[in-house]
């Protein structure tokens, strides 16, 4: 362990930093967060194309949708983006709600 004195906005803090080996660093890097949720077999995942906020969810579990139907509205950078159904099918899960914040690639819903 190495001790350091850090000054933040005029307040001094004493911190200890532990040095680890390259193999320990590699091991901690391999314990990355779990992969995003995937659609069930035969289903299609609808994911967020960009980070933003969900303004509206227009579908529910079990809803029949046609290709091009607006599934939800995603606000990103003050723009409202329609998330459209890529194919005809039935919504098997809705993974977000109005007001949710999502990151790029987050699972929004699945269609089978």
Protein backbone atom coordinates (compact mmCIF):
# COMPACT_ATOMS: atom_id res chain seq x y z
CA UNK A 1 0.00 0.00 0.00
CA UNK A 2 1.18 3.48 -0.79
CA UNK A 3 -0.11 6.54 1.01
CA UNK A 4 -0.76 9.82 -0.78
CA UNK A 5 -1.95 13.22 0.38
CA UNK A 6 -4.59 14.68 -1.96
CA UNK A 7 -5.80 18.29 -1.84
CA UNK A 8 -9.38 18.82 -3.08
CA UNK A 9 -10.67 22.41 -3.00
CA UNK A 10 -8.40 23.27 -0.10
CA UNK A 11 -9.24 20.17 1.95
CA UNK A 12 -6.48 17.61 2.40
CA UNK A 13 -7.27 13.89 2.33
CA UNK A 14 -4.93 11.01 3.01
CA UNK A 15 -5.54 8.08 0.66
CA UNK A 16 -4.03 4.63 0.42
CA UNK A 17 -3.60 2.94 -2.95
CA UNK A 18 -2.88 -0.75 -3.29
CA UNK A 19 -0.64 -1.82 -6.14
CA UNK A 20 -1.75 -5.01 -7.91
CA UNK A 21 0.00 -7.28 -10.37
CA UNK A 22 -0.84 -7.47 -14.07
CA UNK A 23 -2.51 -10.87 -13.59
CA UNK A 24 -4.75 -9.44 -10.84
CA UNK A 25 -5.66 -6.51 -13.08
CA UNK A 26 -6.54 -8.89 -15.93
CA UNK A 27 -8.67 -11.00 -13.58
CA UNK A 28 -10.65 -7.98 -12.39
CA UNK A 29 -11.14 -6.80 -15.99
CA UNK A 30 -12.54 -10.21 -16.95
CA UNK A 31 -15.27 -9.88 -14.32
CA UNK A 32 -17.04 -7.32 -16.50
CA UNK A 33 -20.78 -6.63 -16.10
CA UNK A 34 -23.19 -9.18 -17.52
CA UNK A 35 -24.14 -8.92 -21.18
CA UNK A 36 -27.34 -7.08 -22.06
CA UNK A 37 -30.56 -9.11 -22.05
CA UNK A 38 -31.32 -10.97 -25.25
CA UNK A 39 -34.63 -11.80 -26.86
CA UNK A 40 -36.00 -15.31 -26.39
CA UNK A 41 -35.29 -17.80 -29.17
CA UNK A 42 -37.23 -16.80 -32.26
CA UNK A 43 -37.86 -13.31 -30.88
CA UNK A 44 -36.40 -10.02 -32.00
CA UNK A 45 -34.75 -7.60 -29.58
CA UNK A 46 -35.57 -3.94 -29.93
CA UNK A 47 -32.68 -1.97 -28.43
CA UNK A 48 -32.01 1.71 -27.81
CA UNK A 49 -30.05 3.21 -30.71
CA UNK A 50 -28.68 5.95 -28.43
CA UNK A 51 -28.82 7.04 -24.79
CA UNK A 52 -31.88 9.02 -23.76
CA UNK A 53 -35.18 9.13 -21.87
CA UNK A 54 -38.34 7.20 -22.69
CA UNK A 55 -41.13 9.74 -23.23
CA UNK A 56 -43.89 7.29 -24.17
CA UNK A 57 -44.47 3.55 -24.36
CA UNK A 58 -47.18 2.75 -26.93
CA UNK A 59 -47.27 -1.05 -26.52
CA UNK A 60 -47.88 -3.62 -23.79
CA UNK A 61 -47.13 -7.32 -23.42
CA UNK A 62 -49.23 -9.32 -25.84
CA UNK A 63 -49.93 -6.42 -28.20
CA UNK A 64 -49.98 -7.24 -31.91
CA UNK A 65 -47.81 -4.88 -33.96
CA UNK A 66 -47.22 -4.32 -37.65
CA UNK A 67 -43.92 -3.40 -39.26
CA UNK A 68 -43.44 0.37 -38.86
CA UNK A 69 -45.73 0.80 -35.84
CA UNK A 70 -44.37 3.24 -33.25
CA UNK A 71 -43.43 1.17 -30.20
CA UNK A 72 -42.12 4.03 -28.06
CA UNK A 73 -40.67 7.54 -28.16
CA UNK A 74 -37.05 8.07 -27.08
CA UNK A 75 -35.87 11.61 -26.34
CA UNK A 76 -32.19 12.17 -27.04
CA UNK A 77 -30.49 15.56 -27.29
CA UNK A 78 -33.85 17.39 -27.25
CA UNK A 79 -35.08 15.34 -30.24
CA UNK A 80 -37.97 12.88 -30.11
CA UNK A 81 -37.07 9.63 -31.86
CA UNK A 82 -39.70 7.07 -32.77
CA UNK A 83 -38.71 3.47 -32.09
CA UNK A 84 -40.46 1.46 -34.79
CA UNK A 85 -41.40 -2.21 -35.05
CA UNK A 86 -38.98 -3.86 -37.49
CA UNK A 87 -41.49 -6.60 -38.38
CA UNK A 88 -45.01 -7.85 -37.76
CA UNK A 89 -45.43 -9.80 -34.55
CA UNK A 90 -46.54 -9.85 -30.94
CA UNK A 91 -44.82 -7.94 -28.16
CA UNK A 92 -43.50 -10.57 -25.74
CA UNK A 93 -41.91 -8.21 -23.22
CA UNK A 94 -41.63 -4.50 -22.51
CA UNK A 95 -38.48 -3.75 -20.51
CA UNK A 96 -38.85 0.02 -19.97
CA UNK A 97 -41.50 2.43 -18.76
CA UNK A 98 -42.31 6.09 -19.35
CA UNK A 99 -39.61 8.23 -17.72
CA UNK A 100 -36.91 5.55 -17.84
CA UNK A 101 -33.36 6.52 -18.75
CA UNK A 102 -31.64 4.12 -21.15
CA UNK A 103 -28.15 3.67 -22.53
CA UNK A 104 -27.18 2.68 -26.07
CA UNK A 105 -28.01 -0.98 -26.64
CA UNK A 106 -30.43 -1.29 -23.71
CA UNK A 107 -33.21 -3.80 -24.34
CA UNK A 108 -36.46 -1.87 -24.81
CA UNK A 109 -38.79 -4.70 -25.80
CA UNK A 110 -38.99 -7.98 -27.69
CA UNK A 111 -41.23 -9.05 -30.53
CA UNK A 112 -41.92 -12.64 -31.55
